[in-house]
Amino acid sequence: MSYPEVDWEYYAFETLNMPVTHAARDDFETTFLSGSADKKMGKMVLTPHTSNGQVREMERLKSTPPIRMINIGKCYRPNWDATHTPMFHQFEGLCVDKGITIANLKGTLDYFVKSYFGENTEVRLRPHHFQFTEPSFEVDITCTVCKGTALAPLATSQVAKQAKCKICKSGWLELGGTGMVHPNVLKAGGIDPLIYSGWAFGFGIERVNMMKYGIDDIRNYYTGDIRFLNLF
């Protein structure tokens, strides 16, 4: 699926259990479009994540699980540094059905990571907080450059062999956020959380690609440098 990249506050925040006072709804974090606000939907925004497709997908299927969705789209956040750009691509996974558990989530993540990064890549879930999932986790994988050792690869001297991997510095890389869909999000989509449960994840496409190939600056994707582009 591909849901709107310009959407209402209602789908970008309200249905995701983010109240008006949430920090993500501040002008410094989200790009709001000019124009009057709708009484229910709020203002239009450049979507800061692909999670706006979650409740839209529930509505499309008339709140009748099972639901399986991958939403791919552009996201916009006012940041520009080695790991952030004002526009980036994200893919969102959503699964809602009876009896869905964290074990199902972990199994799905394991399958994706080992298929894309290699069979020896390990996955760990680190407790975190997101408004739209409960419990919530950050997904880490063993570094694709140092293979989880946290040491600089291909070092020759004894001193160099003790140097930290410049990509991860710890043996782990952060892939993205995930968790079990918050009951309030299910309710917003017209689904009874006492009957159904689900999981969701959101990963940046550029970040995933950077981790696979050991690229340390996301801005390389957008500078148009032929030397970089020729690597692929």
C-alpha atoms as a PDB file:
ATOM      1  CA  MET A   1       0.000   0.000   0.000  1.00  0.00           C
ATOM      2  CA  SER A   2       0.948   3.654  -0.258  1.00  0.00           C
ATOM      3  CA  TYR A   3      -1.083   6.071   1.817  1.00  0.00           C
ATOM      4  CA  PRO A   4      -1.021   9.916   1.593  1.00  0.00           C
ATOM      5  CA  GLU A   5       2.253  11.734   2.135  1.00  0.00           C
ATOM      6  CA  VAL A   6       0.224  14.875   2.834  1.00  0.00           C
ATOM      7  CA  ASP A   7      -2.394  13.969   5.394  1.00  0.00           C
ATOM      8  CA  TRP A   8      -4.600  15.267   8.170  1.00  0.00           C
ATOM      9  CA  GLU A   9      -3.368  15.614  11.734  1.00  0.00           C
ATOM     10  CA  TYR A  10      -6.143  13.194  12.626  1.00  0.00           C
ATOM     11  CA  TYR A  11      -4.440  10.290  10.823  1.00  0.00           C
ATOM     12  CA  ALA A  12      -0.859  11.395  11.496  1.00  0.00           C
ATOM     13  CA  PHE A  13      -1.354  11.914  15.237  1.00  0.00           C
ATOM     14  CA  GLU A  14      -4.856  11.692  16.722  1.00  0.00           C
ATOM     15  CA  THR A  15      -5.565   8.101  15.696  1.00  0.00           C
ATOM     16  CA  LEU A  16      -2.065   7.111  16.849  1.00  0.00           C
ATOM     17  CA  ASN A  17      -2.743   8.018  20.471  1.00  0.00           C
ATOM     18  CA  MET A  18      -0.823  11.322  20.241  1.00  0.00           C
ATOM     19  CA  PRO A  19      -2.708  14.122  22.033  1.00  0.00           C
ATOM     20  CA  VAL A  20      -2.464  17.770  20.996  1.00  0.00           C
ATOM     21  CA  THR A  21       0.161  18.327  23.701  1.00  0.00           C
ATOM     22  CA  HIS A  22       2.521  15.640  22.348  1.00  0.00           C
ATOM     23  CA  ALA A  23       5.981  16.950  21.406  1.00  0.00           C
ATOM     24  CA  ALA A  24       5.824  15.413  17.913  1.00  0.00           C
ATOM     25  CA  ARG A  25       2.997  17.831  17.057  1.00  0.00           C
ATOM     26  CA  ASP A  26       5.188  20.866  17.645  1.00  0.00           C
ATOM     27  CA  ASP A  27       6.145  23.142  14.728  1.00  0.00           C
ATOM     28  CA  PHE A  28       9.797  22.238  15.305  1.00  0.00           C
ATOM     29  CA  GLU A  29       9.106  18.533  14.692  1.00  0.00           C
ATOM     30  CA  THR A  30       6.386  18.524  12.028  1.00  0.00           C
ATOM     31  CA  THR A  31       5.787  20.576   8.865  1.00  0.00           C
ATOM     32  CA  PHE A  32       2.254  21.993   8.866  1.00  0.00           C
ATOM     33  CA  LEU A  33       0.654  23.279   5.671  1.00  0.00           C
ATOM     34  CA  SER A  34      -0.944  26.706   5.605  1.00  0.00           C
ATOM     35  CA  GLY A  35      -4.721  26.865   5.588  1.00  0.00           C
ATOM     36  CA  SER A  36      -7.567  26.600   8.027  1.00  0.00           C
ATOM     37  CA  ALA A  37      -7.978  23.516  10.196  1.00  0.00           C
ATOM     38  CA  ASP A  38     -10.878  21.091   9.884  1.00  0.00           C
ATOM     39  CA  LYS A  39     -12.899  20.744  13.077  1.00  0.00           C
ATOM     40  CA  LYS A  40     -12.307  16.972  13.289  1.00  0.00           C
ATOM     41  CA  MET A  41      -9.265  16.364  11.097  1.00  0.00           C
ATOM     42  CA  GLY A  42      -7.138  19.315  12.193  1.00  0.00           C
ATOM     43  CA  LYS A  43      -4.529  20.777   9.836  1.00  0.00           C
ATOM     44  CA  MET A  44      -2.794  19.182   6.888  1.00  0.00           C
ATOM     45  CA  VAL A  45       0.803  18.041   7.467  1.00  0.00           C
ATOM     46  CA  LEU A  46       3.685  16.517   5.563  1.00  0.00           C
ATOM     47  CA  THR A  47       3.557  13.089   7.169  1.00  0.00           C
ATOM     48  CA  PRO A  48       6.481  12.546   9.587  1.00  0.00           C
ATOM     49  CA  HIS A  49       5.996   8.746   9.431  1.00  0.00           C
ATOM     50  CA  THR A  50       4.130   6.082   7.474  1.00  0.00           C
ATOM     51  CA  SER A  51       2.103   5.149  10.563  1.00  0.00           C
ATOM     52  CA  ASN A  52      -0.687   7.392   9.248  1.00  0.00           C
ATOM     53  CA  GLY A  53      -1.643   4.392   7.110  1.00  0.00           C
ATOM     54  CA  GLN A  54      -2.497   2.174  10.080  1.00  0.00           C
ATOM     55  CA  VAL A  55      -6.012   3.406  10.843  1.00  0.00           C
ATOM     56  CA  ARG A  56      -6.617   4.188   7.157  1.00  0.00           C
ATOM     57  CA  GLU A  57      -5.992   0.499   6.419  1.00  0.00           C
ATOM     58  CA  MET A  58      -8.326  -0.548   9.240  1.00  0.00           C
ATOM     59  CA  GLU A  59     -11.004   1.726   7.782  1.00  0.00           C
ATOM     60  CA  ARG A  60     -10.401   0.439   4.243  1.00  0.00           C
ATOM     61  CA  LEU A  61     -11.027  -3.109   5.424  1.00  0.00           C
ATOM     62  CA  LYS A  62     -14.074  -1.900   7.356  1.00  0.00           C
ATOM     63  CA  SER A  63     -12.475  -2.762  10.699  1.00  0.00           C
ATOM     64  CA  THR A  64     -12.548  -6.478   9.890  1.00  0.00           C
ATOM     65  CA  PRO A  65      -9.296  -8.340  10.647  1.00  0.00           C
ATOM     66  CA  PRO A  66      -7.162 -10.175   9.704  1.00  0.00           C
ATOM     67  CA  ILE A  67      -5.095  -7.233   8.481  1.00  0.00           C
ATOM     68  CA  ARG A  68      -1.674  -7.520   6.843  1.00  0.00           C
ATOM     69  CA  MET A  69      -0.147  -4.322   5.470  1.00  0.00           C
ATOM     70  CA  ILE A  70       3.115  -2.853   4.226  1.00  0.00           C
ATOM     71  CA  ASN A  71       2.881   0.914   3.688  1.00  0.00           C
ATOM     72  CA  ILE A  72       5.774   2.511   1.775  1.00  0.00           C
ATOM     73  CA  GLY A  73       6.102   6.266   1.437  1.00  0.00           C
ATOM     74  CA  LYS A  74       8.059   9.470   1.905  1.00  0.00           C
ATOM     75  CA  CYS A  75       8.333  11.068   5.338  1.00  0.00           C
ATOM     76  CA  TYR A  76       9.250  14.633   6.249  1.00  0.00           C
ATOM     77  CA  ARG A  77      11.045  15.941   9.332  1.00  0.00           C
ATOM     78  CA  PRO A  78      12.985  19.235   9.702  1.00  0.00           C
ATOM     79  CA  ASN A  79      16.395  17.656  10.339  1.00  0.00           C
ATOM     80  CA  TRP A  80      19.654  17.615   8.364  1.00  0.00           C
ATOM     81  CA  ASP A  81      22.743  15.770   9.610  1.00  0.00           C
ATOM     82  CA  ALA A  82      24.678  12.544   9.010  1.00  0.00           C
ATOM     83  CA  THR A  83      21.732  10.360  10.045  1.00  0.00           C
ATOM     84  CA  HIS A  84      18.717  12.572   9.212  1.00  0.00           C
ATOM     85  CA  THR A  85      17.380  14.314   6.110  1.00  0.00           C
ATOM     86  CA  PRO A  86      14.275  16.528   5.681  1.00  0.00           C
ATOM     87  CA  MET A  87      12.781  13.864   3.410  1.00  0.00           C
ATOM     88  CA  PHE A  88      13.365  10.129   3.671  1.00  0.00           C
ATOM     89  CA  HIS A  89      11.579   6.902   2.791  1.00  0.00           C
ATOM     90  CA  GLN A  90       9.993   4.536   5.263  1.00  0.00           C
ATOM     91  CA  PHE A  91       8.183   1.219   5.179  1.00  0.00           C
ATOM     92  CA  GLU A  92       5.571   0.362   7.776  1.00  0.00           C
ATOM     93  CA  GLY A  93       4.412  -3.125   8.670  1.00  0.00           C
ATOM     94  CA  LEU A  94       1.073  -3.828  10.363  1.00  0.00           C
ATOM     95  CA  CYS A  95      -0.511  -7.115  11.418  1.00  0.00           C
ATOM     96  CA  VAL A  96      -3.824  -7.383  13.299  1.00  0.00           C
ATOM     97  CA  ASP A  97      -5.636 -10.619  14.105  1.00  0.00           C
ATOM     98  CA  LYS A  98      -6.788 -12.755  17.011  1.00  0.00           C
ATOM     99  CA  GLY A  99      -4.017 -14.073  19.240  1.00  0.00           C
ATOM    100  CA  ILE A 100      -1.146 -12.004  17.809  1.00  0.00           C
ATOM    101  CA  THR A 101       1.758 -11.838  20.284  1.00  0.00           C
ATOM    102  CA  ILE A 102       5.287 -10.475  20.632  1.00  0.00           C
ATOM    103  CA  ALA A 103       6.512 -13.919  19.558  1.00  0.00           C
ATOM    104  CA  ASN A 104       4.841 -13.391  16.163  1.00  0.00           C
ATOM    105  CA  LEU A 105       6.478  -9.967  15.905  1.00  0.00           C
ATOM    106  CA  LYS A 106       9.933 -11.305  16.801  1.00  0.00           C
ATOM    107  CA  GLY A 107       9.584 -14.147  14.316  1.00  0.00           C
ATOM    108  CA  THR A 108       8.683 -11.726  11.523  1.00  0.00           C
ATOM    109  CA  LEU A 109      11.616  -9.442  12.339  1.00  0.00           C
ATOM    110  CA  ASP A 110      14.014 -12.397  12.496  1.00  0.00           C
ATOM    111  CA  TYR A 111      12.851 -13.566   9.070  1.00  0.00           C
ATOM    112  CA  PHE A 112      13.281 -10.129   7.488  1.00  0.00           C
ATOM    113  CA  VAL A 113      16.671  -9.419   9.056  1.00  0.00           C
ATOM    114  CA  LYS A 114      18.189 -12.794   8.204  1.00  0.00           C
ATOM    115  CA  SER A 115      16.795 -12.656   4.654  1.00  0.00           C
ATOM    116  CA  TYR A 116      18.117  -9.151   3.974  1.00  0.00           C
ATOM    117  CA  PHE A 117      21.285  -8.856   6.071  1.00  0.00           C
ATOM    118  CA  GLY A 118      22.373 -12.499   6.218  1.00  0.00           C
ATOM    119  CA  GLU A 119      21.674 -15.654   8.210  1.00  0.00           C
ATOM    120  CA  ASN A 120      24.230 -14.839  10.919  1.00  0.00           C
ATOM    121  CA  THR A 121      22.669 -11.472  11.782  1.00  0.00           C
ATOM    122  CA  GLU A 122      21.121 -11.426  15.251  1.00  0.00           C
ATOM    123  CA  VAL A 123      18.116  -9.370  16.390  1.00  0.00           C
ATOM    124  CA  ARG A 124      17.362  -7.943  19.818  1.00  0.00           C
ATOM    125  CA  LEU A 125      14.386  -5.960  21.097  1.00  0.00           C
ATOM    126  CA  ARG A 126      15.276  -3.116  23.453  1.00  0.00           C
ATOM    127  CA  PRO A 127      12.464  -1.623  25.616  1.00  0.00           C
ATOM    128  CA  HIS A 128      11.462   1.869  24.500  1.00  0.00           C
ATOM    129  CA  HIS A 129       8.417   4.162  24.425  1.00  0.00           C
ATOM    130  CA  PHE A 130       6.181   5.055  21.495  1.00  0.00           C
ATOM    131  CA  GLN A 131       2.685   6.496  21.864  1.00  0.00           C
ATOM    132  CA  PHE A 132       1.128   4.117  19.341  1.00  0.00           C
ATOM    133  CA  THR A 133       2.511   0.808  20.640  1.00  0.00           C
ATOM    134  CA  GLU A 134       2.478  -0.885  24.045  1.00  0.00           C
ATOM    135  CA  PRO A 135       4.840  -2.487  24.840  1.00  0.00           C
ATOM    136  CA  SER A 136       7.303  -0.702  22.564  1.00  0.00           C
ATOM    137  CA  PHE A 137      10.804  -1.626  21.426  1.00  0.00           C
ATOM    138  CA  GLU A 138      13.768  -0.417  19.433  1.00  0.00           C
ATOM    139  CA  VAL A 139      15.017  -3.114  17.061  1.00  0.00           C
ATOM    140  CA  ASP A 140      18.794  -3.647  17.049  1.00  0.00           C
ATOM    141  CA  ILE A 141      20.802  -5.957  14.812  1.00  0.00           C
ATOM    142  CA  THR A 142      24.410  -7.071  15.033  1.00  0.00           C
ATOM    143  CA  CYS A 143      26.634  -4.672  13.103  1.00  0.00           C
ATOM    144  CA  THR A 144      26.997  -5.663   9.462  1.00  0.00           C
ATOM    145  CA  VAL A 145      30.533  -4.228   9.320  1.00  0.00           C
ATOM    146  CA  CYS A 146      32.223  -5.636  12.448  1.00  0.00           C
ATOM    147  CA  LYS A 147      29.811  -8.605  12.713  1.00  0.00           C
ATOM    148  CA  GLY A 148      28.926  -7.718  16.294  1.00  0.00           C
ATOM    149  CA  THR A 149      32.470  -7.557  17.693  1.00  0.00           C
ATOM    150  CA  ALA A 150      32.429  -3.736  18.115  1.00  0.00           C
ATOM    151  CA  LEU A 151      36.042  -3.703  16.860  1.00  0.00           C
ATOM    152  CA  ALA A 152      37.382  -2.079  13.707  1.00  0.00           C
ATOM    153  CA  PRO A 153      37.469  -4.681  10.923  1.00  0.00           C
ATOM    154  CA  LEU A 154      40.590  -5.464   8.876  1.00  0.00           C
ATOM    155  CA  ALA A 155      42.894  -3.937  11.499  1.00  0.00           C
ATOM    156  CA  THR A 156      46.542  -5.026  11.262  1.00  0.00           C
ATOM    157  CA  SER A 157      48.493  -3.455  14.130  1.00  0.00           C
ATOM    158  CA  GLN A 158      47.864  -4.383  17.758  1.00  0.00           C
ATOM    159  CA  VAL A 159      46.691  -0.820  18.497  1.00  0.00           C
ATOM    160  CA  ALA A 160      44.324  -0.790  15.535  1.00  0.00           C
ATOM    161  CA  LYS A 161      42.876  -4.133  16.576  1.00  0.00           C
ATOM    162  CA  GLN A 162      41.615  -2.497  19.784  1.00  0.00           C
ATOM    163  CA  ALA A 163      39.926   0.374  17.927  1.00  0.00           C
ATOM    164  CA  LYS A 164      36.143   0.572  17.972  1.00  0.00           C
ATOM    165  CA  CYS A 165      34.101  -0.043  14.832  1.00  0.00           C
ATOM    166  CA  LYS A 166      33.389   3.427  13.401  1.00  0.00           C
ATOM    167  CA  ILE A 167      29.905   2.407  12.265  1.00  0.00           C
ATOM    168  CA  CYS A 168      28.426   0.927  15.461  1.00  0.00           C
ATOM    169  CA  LYS A 169      30.993   1.397  18.284  1.00  0.00           C
ATOM    170  CA  SER A 170      29.086  -1.235  20.287  1.00  0.00           C
ATOM    171  CA  GLY A 171      28.464  -4.259  18.079  1.00  0.00           C
ATOM    172  CA  TRP A 172      24.815  -3.312  17.518  1.00  0.00           C
ATOM    173  CA  LEU A 173      22.981  -1.052  15.061  1.00  0.00           C
ATOM    174  CA  GLU A 174      19.529   0.453  15.619  1.00  0.00           C
ATOM    175  CA  LEU A 175      17.152  -0.628  12.859  1.00  0.00           C
ATOM    176  CA  GLY A 176      13.957   1.168  13.915  1.00  0.00           C
ATOM    177  CA  GLY A 177      10.905   1.126  16.150  1.00  0.00           C
ATOM    178  CA  THR A 178       8.320  -1.576  16.745  1.00  0.00           C
ATOM    179  CA  GLY A 179       5.797  -2.870  19.259  1.00  0.00           C
ATOM    180  CA  MET A 180       2.311  -4.187  19.876  1.00  0.00           C
ATOM    181  CA  VAL A 181      -0.406  -1.905  18.517  1.00  0.00           C
ATOM    182  CA  HIS A 182      -1.786   0.269  21.316  1.00  0.00           C
ATOM    183  CA  PRO A 183      -5.424  -0.512  22.248  1.00  0.00           C
ATOM    184  CA  ASN A 184      -6.355   3.135  21.573  1.00  0.00           C
ATOM    185  CA  VAL A 185      -5.089   2.819  17.990  1.00  0.00           C
ATOM    186  CA  LEU A 186      -7.199  -0.299  17.457  1.00  0.00           C
ATOM    187  CA  LYS A 187     -10.216   1.534  18.881  1.00  0.00           C
ATOM    188  CA  ALA A 188      -9.589   4.473  16.523  1.00  0.00           C
ATOM    189  CA  GLY A 189      -9.759   1.988  13.649  1.00  0.00           C
ATOM    190  CA  GLY A 190     -13.006   0.508  14.938  1.00  0.00           C
ATOM    191  CA  ILE A 191     -11.399  -2.729  16.184  1.00  0.00           C
ATOM    192  CA  ASP A 192     -12.113  -4.223  19.606  1.00  0.00           C
ATOM    193  CA  PRO A 193      -8.765  -4.600  21.473  1.00  0.00           C
ATOM    194  CA  LEU A 194     -10.352  -7.185  23.775  1.00  0.00           C
ATOM    195  CA  ILE A 195     -10.757  -9.503  20.776  1.00  0.00           C
ATOM    196  CA  TYR A 196      -7.888  -8.541  18.488  1.00  0.00           C
ATOM    197  CA  SER A 197      -4.238  -7.617  18.929  1.00  0.00           C
ATOM    198  CA  GLY A 198      -1.479  -6.693  16.531  1.00  0.00           C
ATOM    199  CA  TRP A 199       2.049  -5.500  15.950  1.00  0.00           C
ATOM    200  CA  ALA A 200       3.583  -2.719  13.891  1.00  0.00           C
ATOM    201  CA  PHE A 201       7.035  -1.571  12.869  1.00  0.00           C
ATOM    202  CA  GLY A 202       8.485   1.358  10.946  1.00  0.00           C
ATOM    203  CA  PHE A 203      11.941   1.317   9.335  1.00  0.00           C
ATOM    204  CA  GLY A 204      13.703   3.946   7.246  1.00  0.00           C
ATOM    205  CA  ILE A 205      14.624   2.536   3.838  1.00  0.00           C
ATOM    206  CA  GLU A 206      17.789   4.619   3.619  1.00  0.00           C
ATOM    207  CA  ARG A 207      18.807   3.554   7.123  1.00  0.00           C
ATOM    208  CA  VAL A 208      18.307  -0.127   6.312  1.00  0.00           C
ATOM    209  CA  ASN A 209      20.411   0.276   3.172  1.00  0.00           C
ATOM    210  CA  MET A 210      23.115   2.177   5.102  1.00  0.00           C
ATOM    211  CA  MET A 211      23.330  -0.638   7.620  1.00  0.00           C
ATOM    212  CA  LYS A 212      23.646  -3.289   4.917  1.00  0.00           C
ATOM    213  CA  TYR A 213      26.498  -1.536   3.102  1.00  0.00           C
ATOM    214  CA  GLY A 214      28.238   0.260   5.984  1.00  0.00           C
ATOM    215  CA  ILE A 215      27.385   3.789   4.787  1.00  0.00           C
ATOM    216  CA  ASP A 216      27.888   6.348   7.567  1.00  0.00           C
ATOM    217  CA  ASP A 217      26.208   9.466   6.105  1.00  0.00           C
ATOM    218  CA  ILE A 218      22.616   9.442   4.816  1.00  0.00           C
ATOM    219  CA  ARG A 219      23.216  12.693   2.921  1.00  0.00           C
ATOM    220  CA  ASN A 220      25.265  10.754   0.364  1.00  0.00           C
ATOM    221  CA  TYR A 221      21.991   9.541  -1.149  1.00  0.00           C
ATOM    222  CA  TYR A 222      20.916  13.069  -2.063  1.00  0.00           C
ATOM    223  CA  THR A 223      24.100  14.907  -3.088  1.00  0.00           C
ATOM    224  CA  GLY A 224      24.192  13.440  -6.594  1.00  0.00           C
ATOM    225  CA  ASP A 225      27.870  12.498  -6.234  1.00  0.00           C
ATOM    226  CA  ILE A 226      28.589  10.163  -9.164  1.00  0.00           C
ATOM    227  CA  ARG A 227      31.438   8.484  -7.274  1.00  0.00           C
ATOM    228  CA  PHE A 228      28.983   7.355  -4.602  1.00  0.00           C
ATOM    229  CA  LEU A 229      26.233   6.394  -7.040  1.00  0.00           C
ATOM    230  CA  ASN A 230      28.645   4.289  -9.106  1.00  0.00           C
ATOM    231  CA  LEU A 231      29.199   2.052  -6.079  1.00  0.00           C
ATOM    232  CA  PHE A 232      25.722   0.669  -6.714  1.00  0.00           C
END
